[in-house]
Structures are given as structure tokens and as C-alpha cells.
Amino acid sequence: MTIISEQQILKLSKYFSIIHHTKGRMRIAVNSKIKEMQKELKTLNISIDKAKDIPKKIDGIKEFKFIALLGTITIIYDENIFNIQMVEDFINGQNIKQATDFINTFINKFNLTGG
């Protein structure tokens, strides 16, 4: 079941940019204007509180840190397990269908709608 569309993923991706990436570690900047998407995410009935736990459930993600004050995300990952290219593609607005399918799978698999 599709919860979020390719157009919405593409729109969302514009709020992120890669600060630094080395094998096994990526830092991402989150534009503070992402708050503009909160209303749209609410209409999709996606629970942000539930979504915060997604990274802990993805194979290959060792650590996921979001620092709201700085607007950064740090992902520590096992390059042999987790396909970081998908994250890069999402941020660069490429292969959006793959990113959309991946995100919708997790929304459905981990019941991220509601509450």
C-alpha cells in the first residue's frame, strides 16, 4: 500500500544535503524549513514519533543520531549490509521510485501510520 508518493519524496529530499561522507559514516544537514512538510505529513497520517525508531530497525544501521539544535543527522552504518547509495540518491533527487518503495515498505512494515 502506498502511503507517500514519489512527488512527496522528491519534495522532501530537497530539505536534506550531505555534509560529509566517509565509508561507514554519513553526516546530513536538515534544512529548518522542513517544518513546512509537517502539515503534509500529518495529512498522510504518518506518526513522526513512530518514524524516529525506523533507523534502529534497518539492517546495517549501527547508529542514527539526530541533533535538532544543529539540524544534522549522523548515520553510522555497515557498508557490507546497508546500501547507503539509496540515501545519497534520495538526497540528490535520483532513483526516487526506489526510495519511495523503500520508505512505503517501512511505513507499512512497522505500522507508522496513526498516533
PDB file of N, CA and C in Angstrom:
ATOM      1  N   MET A   1       0.838  -1.187   0.000  1.00  0.00           N
ATOM      2  CA  MET A   1       0.000   0.000   0.000  1.00  0.00           C
ATOM      3  C   MET A   1       0.881   1.247   0.000  1.00  0.00           C
ATOM      4  N   THR A   2       0.595   2.169  -0.902  1.00  0.00           N
ATOM      5  CA  THR A   2       1.377   3.402  -0.998  1.00  0.00           C
ATOM      6  C   THR A   2       0.817   4.436  -0.035  1.00  0.00           C
ATOM      7  N   ILE A   3       1.684   4.953   0.790  1.00  0.00           N
ATOM      8  CA  ILE A   3       1.312   5.982   1.751  1.00  0.00           C
ATOM      9  C   ILE A   3       1.834   7.337   1.281  1.00  0.00           C
ATOM     10  N   ILE A   4       3.077   7.356   0.839  1.00  0.00           N
ATOM     11  CA  ILE A   4       3.731   8.584   0.411  1.00  0.00           C
ATOM     12  C   ILE A   4       4.106   8.445  -1.066  1.00  0.00           C
ATOM     13  N   SER A   5       3.870   9.487  -1.835  1.00  0.00           N
ATOM     14  CA  SER A   5       4.078   9.425  -3.285  1.00  0.00           C
ATOM     15  C   SER A   5       5.512   9.811  -3.673  1.00  0.00           C
ATOM     16  N   GLU A   6       5.872   9.494  -4.906  1.00  0.00           N
ATOM     17  CA  GLU A   6       7.186   9.876  -5.423  1.00  0.00           C
ATOM     18  C   GLU A   6       7.346  11.391  -5.406  1.00  0.00           C
ATOM     19  N   GLN A   7       6.279  12.120  -5.719  1.00  0.00           N
ATOM     20  CA  GLN A   7       6.341  13.579  -5.715  1.00  0.00           C
ATOM     21  C   GLN A   7       6.614  14.114  -4.313  1.00  0.00           C
ATOM     22  N   GLN A   8       5.996  13.498  -3.318  1.00  0.00           N
ATOM     23  CA  GLN A   8       6.217  13.930  -1.935  1.00  0.00           C
ATOM     24  C   GLN A   8       7.636  13.595  -1.479  1.00  0.00           C
ATOM     25  N   ILE A   9       8.147  12.439  -1.895  1.00  0.00           N
ATOM     26  CA  ILE A   9       9.527  12.065  -1.555  1.00  0.00           C
ATOM     27  C   ILE A   9      10.500  13.045  -2.194  1.00  0.00           C
ATOM     28  N   LEU A  10      10.265  13.388  -3.448  1.00  0.00           N
ATOM     29  CA  LEU A  10      11.125  14.335  -4.150  1.00  0.00           C
ATOM     30  C   LEU A  10      11.092  15.693  -3.462  1.00  0.00           C
ATOM     31  N   LYS A  11       9.922  16.121  -3.058  1.00  0.00           N
ATOM     32  CA  LYS A  11       9.777  17.392  -2.345  1.00  0.00           C
ATOM     33  C   LYS A  11      10.533  17.338  -1.009  1.00  0.00           C
ATOM     34  N   LEU A  12      10.383  16.232  -0.306  1.00  0.00           N
ATOM     35  CA  LEU A  12      11.046  16.054   0.990  1.00  0.00           C
ATOM     36  C   LEU A  12      12.566  16.019   0.848  1.00  0.00           C
ATOM     37  N   SER A  13      13.061  15.405  -0.202  1.00  0.00           N
ATOM     38  CA  SER A  13      14.510  15.250  -0.388  1.00  0.00           C
ATOM     39  C   SER A  13      15.233  16.584  -0.496  1.00  0.00           C
ATOM     40  N   LYS A  14      14.541  17.620  -0.910  1.00  0.00           N
ATOM     41  CA  LYS A  14      15.156  18.939  -1.087  1.00  0.00           C
ATOM     42  C   LYS A  14      15.546  19.610   0.229  1.00  0.00           C
ATOM     43  N   TYR A  15      15.083  19.057   1.333  1.00  0.00           N
ATOM     44  CA  TYR A  15      15.402  19.625   2.643  1.00  0.00           C
ATOM     45  C   TYR A  15      16.684  19.025   3.247  1.00  0.00           C
ATOM     46  N   PHE A  16      17.297  18.087   2.534  1.00  0.00           N
ATOM     47  CA  PHE A  16      18.486  17.399   3.040  1.00  0.00           C
ATOM     48  C   PHE A  16      19.680  17.646   2.130  1.00  0.00           C
ATOM     49  N   SER A  17      20.871  17.688   2.732  1.00  0.00           N
ATOM     50  CA  SER A  17      22.109  17.759   1.944  1.00  0.00           C
ATOM     51  C   SER A  17      23.216  17.035   2.715  1.00  0.00           C
ATOM     52  N   ILE A  18      24.101  16.414   1.962  1.00  0.00           N
ATOM     53  CA  ILE A  18      25.206  15.673   2.582  1.00  0.00           C
ATOM     54  C   ILE A  18      26.298  16.658   2.979  1.00  0.00           C
ATOM     55  N   ILE A  19      26.679  16.615   4.246  1.00  0.00           N
ATOM     56  CA  ILE A  19      27.756  17.458   4.752  1.00  0.00           C
ATOM     57  C   ILE A  19      29.094  16.754   4.544  1.00  0.00           C
ATOM     58  N   HIS A  20      29.111  15.474   4.912  1.00  0.00           N
ATOM     59  CA  HIS A  20      30.357  14.710   4.868  1.00  0.00           C
ATOM     60  C   HIS A  20      30.015  13.225   4.771  1.00  0.00           C
ATOM     61  N   HIS A  21      30.798  12.517   3.980  1.00  0.00           N
ATOM     62  CA  HIS A  21      30.566  11.085   3.860  1.00  0.00           C
ATOM     63  C   HIS A  21      31.893  10.352   3.710  1.00  0.00           C
ATOM     64  N   THR A  22      32.141   9.454   4.634  1.00  0.00           N
ATOM     65  CA  THR A  22      33.263   8.528   4.535  1.00  0.00           C
ATOM     66  C   THR A  22      32.669   7.136   4.690  1.00  0.00           C
ATOM     67  N   LYS A  23      33.401   6.150   4.277  1.00  0.00           N
ATOM     68  CA  LYS A  23      32.910   4.774   4.354  1.00  0.00           C
ATOM     69  C   LYS A  23      32.460   4.455   5.789  1.00  0.00           C
ATOM     70  N   GLY A  24      31.186   4.130   5.931  1.00  0.00           N
ATOM     71  CA  GLY A  24      30.644   3.755   7.231  1.00  0.00           C
ATOM     72  C   GLY A  24      30.026   4.884   8.031  1.00  0.00           C
ATOM     73  N   ARG A  25      30.165   6.148   7.541  1.00  0.00           N
ATOM     74  CA  ARG A  25      29.631   7.287   8.304  1.00  0.00           C
ATOM     75  C   ARG A  25      29.205   8.401   7.352  1.00  0.00           C
ATOM     76  N   MET A  26      27.979   8.891   7.539  1.00  0.00           N
ATOM     77  CA  MET A  26      27.477   9.988   6.732  1.00  0.00           C
ATOM     78  C   MET A  26      26.837  11.024   7.650  1.00  0.00           C
ATOM     79  N   ARG A  27      27.166  12.300   7.406  1.00  0.00           N
ATOM     80  CA  ARG A  27      26.509  13.414   8.119  1.00  0.00           C
ATOM     81  C   ARG A  27      25.660  14.163   7.115  1.00  0.00           C
ATOM     82  N   ILE A  28      24.444  14.464   7.530  1.00  0.00           N
ATOM     83  CA  ILE A  28      23.458  15.093   6.670  1.00  0.00           C
ATOM     84  C   ILE A  28      22.919  16.343   7.354  1.00  0.00           C
ATOM     85  N   ALA A  29      22.811  17.428   6.579  1.00  0.00           N
ATOM     86  CA  ALA A  29      22.184  18.648   7.079  1.00  0.00           C
ATOM     87  C   ALA A  29      20.695  18.590   6.768  1.00  0.00           C
ATOM     88  N   VAL A  30      19.899  19.031   7.727  1.00  0.00           N
ATOM     89  CA  VAL A  30      18.451  19.091   7.550  1.00  0.00           C
ATOM     90  C   VAL A  30      18.052  20.564   7.597  1.00  0.00           C
ATOM     91  N   ASN A  31      17.515  21.056   6.487  1.00  0.00           N
ATOM     92  CA  ASN A  31      17.098  22.449   6.401  1.00  0.00           C
ATOM     93  C   ASN A  31      15.942  22.688   7.370  1.00  0.00           C
ATOM     94  N   SER A  32      16.019  23.763   8.141  1.00  0.00           N
ATOM     95  CA  SER A  32      14.975  24.051   9.133  1.00  0.00           C
ATOM     96  C   SER A  32      13.612  24.284   8.490  1.00  0.00           C
ATOM     97  N   LYS A  33      13.581  24.581   7.210  1.00  0.00           N
ATOM     98  CA  LYS A  33      12.310  24.783   6.513  1.00  0.00           C
ATOM     99  C   LYS A  33      11.544  23.477   6.319  1.00  0.00           C
ATOM    100  N   ILE A  34      12.140  22.367   6.749  1.00  0.00           N
ATOM    101  CA  ILE A  34      11.445  21.078   6.645  1.00  0.00           C
ATOM    102  C   ILE A  34      10.127  21.110   7.430  1.00  0.00           C
ATOM    103  N   LYS A  35      10.043  22.042   8.366  1.00  0.00           N
ATOM    104  CA  LYS A  35       8.808  22.180   9.143  1.00  0.00           C
ATOM    105  C   LYS A  35       7.611  22.439   8.235  1.00  0.00           C
ATOM    106  N   GLU A  36       7.891  22.981   7.033  1.00  0.00           N
ATOM    107  CA  GLU A  36       6.826  23.216   6.061  1.00  0.00           C
ATOM    108  C   GLU A  36       6.155  21.904   5.647  1.00  0.00           C
ATOM    109  N   MET A  37       6.868  20.801   5.764  1.00  0.00           N
ATOM    110  CA  MET A  37       6.340  19.486   5.376  1.00  0.00           C
ATOM    111  C   MET A  37       5.511  18.844   6.490  1.00  0.00           C
ATOM    112  N   GLN A  38       5.580  19.358   7.702  1.00  0.00           N
ATOM    113  CA  GLN A  38       4.876  18.729   8.818  1.00  0.00           C
ATOM    114  C   GLN A  38       3.371  18.618   8.574  1.00  0.00           C
ATOM    115  N   LYS A  39       2.786  19.682   8.026  1.00  0.00           N
ATOM    116  CA  LYS A  39       1.345  19.664   7.759  1.00  0.00           C
ATOM    117  C   LYS A  39       1.011  18.582   6.734  1.00  0.00           C
ATOM    118  N   GLU A  40       1.847  18.480   5.693  1.00  0.00           N
ATOM    119  CA  GLU A  40       1.626  17.469   4.658  1.00  0.00           C
ATOM    120  C   GLU A  40       1.771  16.059   5.229  1.00  0.00           C
ATOM    121  N   LEU A  41       2.779  15.847   6.087  1.00  0.00           N
ATOM    122  CA  LEU A  41       2.956  14.530   6.705  1.00  0.00           C
ATOM    123  C   LEU A  41       1.782  14.194   7.616  1.00  0.00           C
ATOM    124  N   LYS A  42       1.225  15.196   8.276  1.00  0.00           N
ATOM    125  CA  LYS A  42       0.054  14.943   9.119  1.00  0.00           C
ATOM    126  C   LYS A  42      -1.126  14.478   8.281  1.00  0.00           C
ATOM    127  N   THR A  43      -1.291  15.050   7.078  1.00  0.00           N
ATOM    128  CA  THR A  43      -2.400  14.630   6.220  1.00  0.00           C
ATOM    129  C   THR A  43      -2.208  13.196   5.736  1.00  0.00           C
ATOM    130  N   LEU A  44      -0.959  12.734   5.706  1.00  0.00           N
ATOM    131  CA  LEU A  44      -0.678  11.346   5.327  1.00  0.00           C
ATOM    132  C   LEU A  44      -0.875  10.405   6.510  1.00  0.00           C
ATOM    133  N   ASN A  45      -1.087  11.000   7.700  1.00  0.00           N
ATOM    134  CA  ASN A  45      -1.287  10.233   8.928  1.00  0.00           C
ATOM    135  C   ASN A  45      -0.057   9.405   9.289  1.00  0.00           C
ATOM    136  N   ILE A  46       1.135   9.983   9.044  1.00  0.00           N
ATOM    137  CA  ILE A  46       2.383   9.314   9.424  1.00  0.00           C
ATOM    138  C   ILE A  46       2.809   9.841  10.784  1.00  0.00           C
ATOM    139  N   SER A  47       3.017   8.953  11.705  1.00  0.00           N
ATOM    140  CA  SER A  47       3.425   9.328  13.050  1.00  0.00           C
ATOM    141  C   SER A  47       4.929   9.577  13.097  1.00  0.00           C
ATOM    142  N   ILE A  48       5.315  10.823  13.342  1.00  0.00           N
ATOM    143  CA  ILE A  48       6.735  11.185  13.427  1.00  0.00           C
ATOM    144  C   ILE A  48       7.377  10.486  14.617  1.00  0.00           C
ATOM    145  N   ASP A  49       6.642  10.369  15.728  1.00  0.00           N
ATOM    146  CA  ASP A  49       7.190   9.692  16.901  1.00  0.00           C
ATOM    147  C   ASP A  49       7.545   8.241  16.588  1.00  0.00           C
ATOM    148  N   LYS A  50       6.661   7.555  15.876  1.00  0.00           N
ATOM    149  CA  LYS A  50       6.941   6.172  15.490  1.00  0.00           C
ATOM    150  C   LYS A  50       8.069   6.119  14.468  1.00  0.00           C
ATOM    151  N   ALA A  51       8.119   7.093  13.563  1.00  0.00           N
ATOM    152  CA  ALA A  51       9.123   7.111  12.491  1.00  0.00           C
ATOM    153  C   ALA A  51      10.540   7.272  13.040  1.00  0.00           C
ATOM    154  N   LYS A  52      10.684   7.900  14.185  1.00  0.00           N
ATOM    155  CA  LYS A  52      12.010   8.108  14.782  1.00  0.00           C
ATOM    156  C   LYS A  52      12.710   6.789  15.089  1.00  0.00           C
ATOM    157  N   ASP A  53      11.939   5.735  15.273  1.00  0.00           N
ATOM    158  CA  ASP A  53      12.512   4.436  15.610  1.00  0.00           C
ATOM    159  C   ASP A  53      12.913   3.603  14.392  1.00  0.00           C
ATOM    160  N   ILE A  54      12.571   4.068  13.186  1.00  0.00           N
ATOM    161  CA  ILE A  54      12.872   3.294  11.973  1.00  0.00           C
ATOM    162  C   ILE A  54      14.345   2.925  11.853  1.00  0.00           C
ATOM    163  N   PRO A  55      15.272   3.891  11.984  1.00  0.00           N
ATOM    164  CA  PRO A  55      16.690   3.538  11.755  1.00  0.00           C
ATOM    165  C   PRO A  55      17.180   2.376  12.607  1.00  0.00           C
ATOM    166  N   LYS A  56      16.660   2.244  13.811  1.00  0.00           N
ATOM    167  CA  LYS A  56      17.071   1.148  14.696  1.00  0.00           C
ATOM    168  C   LYS A  56      16.635  -0.205  14.147  1.00  0.00           C
ATOM    169  N   LYS A  57      15.661  -0.188  13.228  1.00  0.00           N
ATOM    170  CA  LYS A  57      15.097  -1.426  12.703  1.00  0.00           C
ATOM    171  C   LYS A  57      15.649  -1.802  11.333  1.00  0.00           C
ATOM    172  N   ILE A  58      16.545  -0.987  10.790  1.00  0.00           N
ATOM    173  CA  ILE A  58      17.095  -1.239   9.459  1.00  0.00           C
ATOM    174  C   ILE A  58      18.422  -1.980   9.594  1.00  0.00           C
ATOM    175  N   ASP A  59      18.500  -3.133   8.930  1.00  0.00           N
ATOM    176  CA  ASP A  59      19.735  -3.907   8.959  1.00  0.00           C
ATOM    177  C   ASP A  59      20.895  -3.079   8.425  1.00  0.00           C
ATOM    178  N   GLY A  60      21.989  -3.077   9.160  1.00  0.00           N
ATOM    179  CA  GLY A  60      23.193  -2.375   8.726  1.00  0.00           C
ATOM    180  C   GLY A  60      23.357  -0.994   9.328  1.00  0.00           C
ATOM    181  N   ILE A  61      22.303  -0.442   9.918  1.00  0.00           N
ATOM    182  CA  ILE A  61      22.429   0.855  10.591  1.00  0.00           C
ATOM    183  C   ILE A  61      22.891   0.577  12.013  1.00  0.00           C
ATOM    184  N   LYS A  62      24.088   1.012  12.318  1.00  0.00           N
ATOM    185  CA  LYS A  62      24.643   0.791  13.655  1.00  0.00           C
ATOM    186  C   LYS A  62      24.204   1.884  14.627  1.00  0.00           C
ATOM    187  N   GLU A  63      24.156   3.108  14.109  1.00  0.00           N
ATOM    188  CA  GLU A  63      23.807   4.247  14.960  1.00  0.00           C
ATOM    189  C   GLU A  63      23.172   5.330  14.097  1.00  0.00           C
ATOM    190  N   PHE A  64      22.177   5.990  14.648  1.00  0.00           N
ATOM    191  CA  PHE A  64      21.489   7.073  13.960  1.00  0.00           C
ATOM    192  C   PHE A  64      21.278   8.180  14.976  1.00  0.00           C
ATOM    193  N   LYS A  65      21.900   9.337  14.725  1.00  0.00           N
ATOM    194  CA  LYS A  65      21.776  10.460  15.660  1.00  0.00           C
ATOM    195  C   LYS A  65      21.181  11.656  14.940  1.00  0.00           C
ATOM    196  N   PHE A  66      20.122  12.212  15.519  1.00  0.00           N
ATOM    197  CA  PHE A  66      19.553  13.453  15.011  1.00  0.00           C
ATOM    198  C   PHE A  66      19.763  14.509  16.067  1.00  0.00           C
ATOM    199  N   ILE A  67      20.435  15.581  15.679  1.00  0.00           N
ATOM    200  CA  ILE A  67      20.675  16.691  16.598  1.00  0.00           C
ATOM    201  C   ILE A  67      19.849  17.870  16.094  1.00  0.00           C
ATOM    202  N   ALA A  68      18.693  18.074  16.714  1.00  0.00           N
ATOM    203  CA  ALA A  68      17.742  19.092  16.259  1.00  0.00           C
ATOM    204  C   ALA A  68      18.346  20.490  16.324  1.00  0.00           C
ATOM    205  N   LEU A  69      19.089  20.783  17.376  1.00  0.00           N
ATOM    206  CA  LEU A  69      19.673  22.111  17.547  1.00  0.00           C
ATOM    207  C   LEU A  69      20.573  22.489  16.374  1.00  0.00           C
ATOM    208  N   LEU A  70      21.346  21.527  15.878  1.00  0.00           N
ATOM    209  CA  LEU A  70      22.252  21.770  14.753  1.00  0.00           C
ATOM    210  C   LEU A  70      21.599  21.462  13.410  1.00  0.00           C
ATOM    211  N   GLY A  71      20.516  20.723  13.442  1.00  0.00           N
ATOM    212  CA  GLY A  71      19.851  20.315  12.206  1.00  0.00           C
ATOM    213  C   GLY A  71      20.699  19.325  11.420  1.00  0.00           C
ATOM    214  N   THR A  72      21.270  18.346  12.136  1.00  0.00           N
ATOM    215  CA  THR A  72      22.101  17.344  11.470  1.00  0.00           C
ATOM    216  C   THR A  72      21.671  15.930  11.843  1.00  0.00           C
ATOM    217  N   ILE A  73      21.939  15.036  10.918  1.00  0.00           N
ATOM    218  CA  ILE A  73      21.741  13.607  11.132  1.00  0.00           C
ATOM    219  C   ILE A  73      23.080  12.941  10.870  1.00  0.00           C
ATOM    220  N   THR A  74      23.467  12.040  11.754  1.00  0.00           N
ATOM    221  CA  THR A  74      24.667  11.240  11.533  1.00  0.00           C
ATOM    222  C   THR A  74      24.235   9.784  11.477  1.00  0.00           C
ATOM    223  N   ILE A  75      24.652   9.118  10.408  1.00  0.00           N
ATOM    224  CA  ILE A  75      24.341   7.697  10.231  1.00  0.00           C
ATOM    225  C   ILE A  75      25.654   6.939  10.238  1.00  0.00           C
ATOM    226  N   ILE A  76      25.795   6.015  11.178  1.00  0.00           N
ATOM    227  CA  ILE A  76      26.927   5.098  11.209  1.00  0.00           C
ATOM    228  C   ILE A  76      26.365   3.772  10.702  1.00  0.00           C
ATOM    229  N   TYR A  77      26.987   3.222   9.662  1.00  0.00           N
ATOM    230  CA  TYR A  77      26.416   2.042   9.020  1.00  0.00           C
ATOM    231  C   TYR A  77      27.499   1.036   8.633  1.00  0.00           C
ATOM    232  N   ASP A  78      27.066  -0.193   8.452  1.00  0.00           N
ATOM    233  CA  ASP A  78      27.935  -1.262   7.959  1.00  0.00           C
ATOM    234  C   ASP A  78      27.781  -1.282   6.447  1.00  0.00           C
ATOM    235  N   GLU A  79      28.838  -0.880   5.750  1.00  0.00           N
ATOM    236  CA  GLU A  79      28.776  -0.763   4.286  1.00  0.00           C
ATOM    237  C   GLU A  79      28.568  -2.098   3.587  1.00  0.00           C
ATOM    238  N   ASN A  80      28.782  -3.203   4.294  1.00  0.00           N
ATOM    239  CA  ASN A  80      28.556  -4.522   3.716  1.00  0.00           C
ATOM    240  C   ASN A  80      27.092  -4.967   3.809  1.00  0.00           C
ATOM    241  N   ILE A  81      26.321  -4.254   4.628  1.00  0.00           N
ATOM    242  CA  ILE A  81      24.922  -4.633   4.833  1.00  0.00           C
ATOM    243  C   ILE A  81      23.965  -3.561   4.314  1.00  0.00           C
ATOM    244  N   PHE A  82      24.223  -2.310   4.655  1.00  0.00           N
ATOM    245  CA  PHE A  82      23.299  -1.226   4.307  1.00  0.00           C
ATOM    246  C   PHE A  82      23.727  -0.528   3.022  1.00  0.00           C
ATOM    247  N   ASN A  83      22.777  -0.344   2.106  1.00  0.00           N
ATOM    248  CA  ASN A  83      23.026   0.312   0.834  1.00  0.00           C
ATOM    249  C   ASN A  83      22.887   1.829   1.001  1.00  0.00           C
ATOM    250  N   ILE A  84      23.980   2.495   1.336  1.00  0.00           N
ATOM    251  CA  ILE A  84      23.967   3.942   1.557  1.00  0.00           C
ATOM    252  C   ILE A  84      23.692   4.710   0.268  1.00  0.00           C
ATOM    253  N   GLN A  85      23.922   4.068  -0.869  1.00  0.00           N
ATOM    254  CA  GLN A  85      23.669   4.719  -2.157  1.00  0.00           C
ATOM    255  C   GLN A  85      22.216   5.173  -2.265  1.00  0.00           C
ATOM    256  N   MET A  86      21.309   4.420  -1.666  1.00  0.00           N
ATOM    257  CA  MET A  86      19.899   4.785  -1.696  1.00  0.00           C
ATOM    258  C   MET A  86      19.680   6.115  -0.968  1.00  0.00           C
ATOM    259  N   VAL A  87      20.384   6.328   0.133  1.00  0.00           N
ATOM    260  CA  VAL A  87      20.277   7.586   0.878  1.00  0.00           C
ATOM    261  C   VAL A  87      20.836   8.727   0.028  1.00  0.00           C
ATOM    262  N   GLU A  88      21.982   8.496  -0.587  1.00  0.00           N
ATOM    263  CA  GLU A  88      22.574   9.514  -1.461  1.00  0.00           C
ATOM    264  C   GLU A  88      21.630   9.848  -2.612  1.00  0.00           C
ATOM    265  N   ASP A  89      21.056   8.828  -3.223  1.00  0.00           N
ATOM    266  CA  ASP A  89      20.126   9.047  -4.329  1.00  0.00           C
ATOM    267  C   ASP A  89      18.919   9.863  -3.865  1.00  0.00           C
ATOM    268  N   PHE A  90      18.380   9.517  -2.707  1.00  0.00           N
ATOM    269  CA  PHE A  90      17.235  10.255  -2.159  1.00  0.00           C
ATOM    270  C   PHE A  90      17.589  11.732  -1.994  1.00  0.00           C
ATOM    271  N   ILE A  91      18.722  12.009  -1.361  1.00  0.00           N
ATOM    272  CA  ILE A  91      19.137  13.393  -1.112  1.00  0.00           C
ATOM    273  C   ILE A  91      19.380  14.143  -2.422  1.00  0.00           C
ATOM    274  N   ASN A  92      19.896  13.439  -3.422  1.00  0.00           N
ATOM    275  CA  ASN A  92      20.184  14.070  -4.715  1.00  0.00           C
ATOM    276  C   ASN A  92      18.995  14.046  -5.669  1.00  0.00           C
ATOM    277  N   GLY A  93      17.856  13.527  -5.206  1.00  0.00           N
ATOM    278  CA  GLY A  93      16.658  13.500  -6.033  1.00  0.00           C
ATOM    279  C   GLY A  93      16.740  12.519  -7.193  1.00  0.00           C
ATOM    280  N   GLN A  94      17.472  11.436  -6.994  1.00  0.00           N
ATOM    281  CA  GLN A  94      17.638  10.426  -8.033  1.00  0.00           C
ATOM    282  C   GLN A  94      17.026   9.107  -7.571  1.00  0.00           C
ATOM    283  N   ASN A  95      16.645   8.264  -8.541  1.00  0.00           N
ATOM    284  CA  ASN A  95      16.056   6.952  -8.236  1.00  0.00           C
ATOM    285  C   ASN A  95      14.951   7.062  -7.181  1.00  0.00           C
ATOM    286  N   ILE A  96      14.096   8.043  -7.369  1.00  0.00           N
ATOM    287  CA  ILE A  96      13.057   8.335  -6.382  1.00  0.00           C
ATOM    288  C   ILE A  96      12.063   7.183  -6.240  1.00  0.00           C
ATOM    289  N   LYS A  97      11.786   6.458  -7.310  1.00  0.00           N
ATOM    290  CA  LYS A  97      10.867   5.318  -7.200  1.00  0.00           C
ATOM    291  C   LYS A  97      11.396   4.299  -6.200  1.00  0.00           C
ATOM    292  N   GLN A  98      12.703   4.007  -6.254  1.00  0.00           N
ATOM    293  CA  GLN A  98      13.309   3.051  -5.328  1.00  0.00           C
ATOM    294  C   GLN A  98      13.194   3.561  -3.885  1.00  0.00           C
ATOM    295  N   ALA A  99      13.478   4.826  -3.682  1.00  0.00           N
ATOM    296  CA  ALA A  99      13.384   5.407  -2.334  1.00  0.00           C
ATOM    297  C   ALA A  99      11.946   5.390  -1.836  1.00  0.00           C
ATOM    298  N   THR A 100      11.012   5.715  -2.713  1.00  0.00           N
ATOM    299  CA  THR A 100       9.592   5.725  -2.340  1.00  0.00           C
ATOM    300  C   THR A 100       9.129   4.326  -1.953  1.00  0.00           C
ATOM    301  N   ASP A 101       9.497   3.337  -2.749  1.00  0.00           N
ATOM    302  CA  ASP A 101       9.127   1.951  -2.437  1.00  0.00           C
ATOM    303  C   ASP A 101       9.711   1.517  -1.097  1.00  0.00           C
ATOM    304  N   PHE A 102      10.986   1.860  -0.853  1.00  0.00           N
ATOM    305  CA  PHE A 102      11.671   1.510   0.392  1.00  0.00           C
ATOM    306  C   PHE A 102      10.961   2.155   1.591  1.00  0.00           C
ATOM    307  N   ILE A 103      10.661   3.445   1.493  1.00  0.00           N
ATOM    308  CA  ILE A 103      10.015   4.166   2.597  1.00  0.00           C
ATOM    309  C   ILE A 103       8.606   3.634   2.843  1.00  0.00           C
ATOM    310  N   ASN A 104       7.841   3.399   1.785  1.00  0.00           N
ATOM    311  CA  ASN A 104       6.484   2.860   1.959  1.00  0.00           C
ATOM    312  C   ASN A 104       6.503   1.463   2.572  1.00  0.00           C
ATOM    313  N   THR A 105       7.503   0.676   2.208  1.00  0.00           N
ATOM    314  CA  THR A 105       7.644  -0.655   2.813  1.00  0.00           C
ATOM    315  C   THR A 105       7.811  -0.529   4.321  1.00  0.00           C
ATOM    316  N   PHE A 106       8.665   0.413   4.752  1.00  0.00           N
ATOM    317  CA  PHE A 106       8.882   0.585   6.191  1.00  0.00           C
ATOM    318  C   PHE A 106       7.682   1.196   6.888  1.00  0.00           C
ATOM    319  N   ILE A 107       6.982   2.118   6.235  1.00  0.00           N
ATOM    320  CA  ILE A 107       5.764   2.686   6.837  1.00  0.00           C
ATOM    321  C   ILE A 107       4.765   1.578   7.120  1.00  0.00           C
ATOM    322  N   ASN A 108       4.603   0.687   6.139  1.00  0.00           N
ATOM    323  CA  ASN A 108       3.657  -0.420   6.297  1.00  0.00           C
ATOM    324  C   ASN A 108       4.178  -1.500   7.254  1.00  0.00           C
ATOM    325  N   LYS A 109       5.452  -1.887   7.088  1.00  0.00           N
ATOM    326  CA  LYS A 109       6.016  -2.969   7.890  1.00  0.00           C
ATOM    327  C   LYS A 109       6.011  -2.642   9.383  1.00  0.00           C
ATOM    328  N   PHE A 110       6.317  -1.389   9.706  1.00  0.00           N
ATOM    329  CA  PHE A 110       6.416  -1.003  11.120  1.00  0.00           C
ATOM    330  C   PHE A 110       5.224  -0.181  11.595  1.00  0.00           C
ATOM    331  N   ASN A 111       4.138  -0.204  10.794  1.00  0.00           N
ATOM    332  CA  ASN A 111       2.885   0.426  11.192  1.00  0.00           C
ATOM    333  C   ASN A 111       3.111   1.857  11.685  1.00  0.00           C
ATOM    334  N   LEU A 112       3.648   2.706  10.815  1.00  0.00           N
ATOM    335  CA  LEU A 112       3.973   4.071  11.206  1.00  0.00           C
ATOM    336  C   LEU A 112       2.835   5.058  11.020  1.00  0.00           C
ATOM    337  N   THR A 113       1.690   4.566  10.599  1.00  0.00           N
ATOM    338  CA  THR A 113       0.556   5.473  10.449  1.00  0.00           C
ATOM    339  C   THR A 113      -0.212   5.554  11.752  1.00  0.00           C
ATOM    340  N   GLY A 114      -0.857   6.667  11.937  1.00  0.00           N
ATOM    341  CA  GLY A 114      -1.655   6.871  13.126  1.00  0.00           C
ATOM    342  C   GLY A 114      -0.840   7.342  14.299  1.00  0.00           C
ATOM    343  N   GLY A 115      -1.554   7.838  15.328  1.00  0.00           N
ATOM    344  CA  GLY A 115      -0.970   8.254  16.592  1.00  0.00           C
ATOM    345  C   GLY A 115       0.188   9.087  16.446  1.00  0.00           C
TER     346      GLY A 115
END
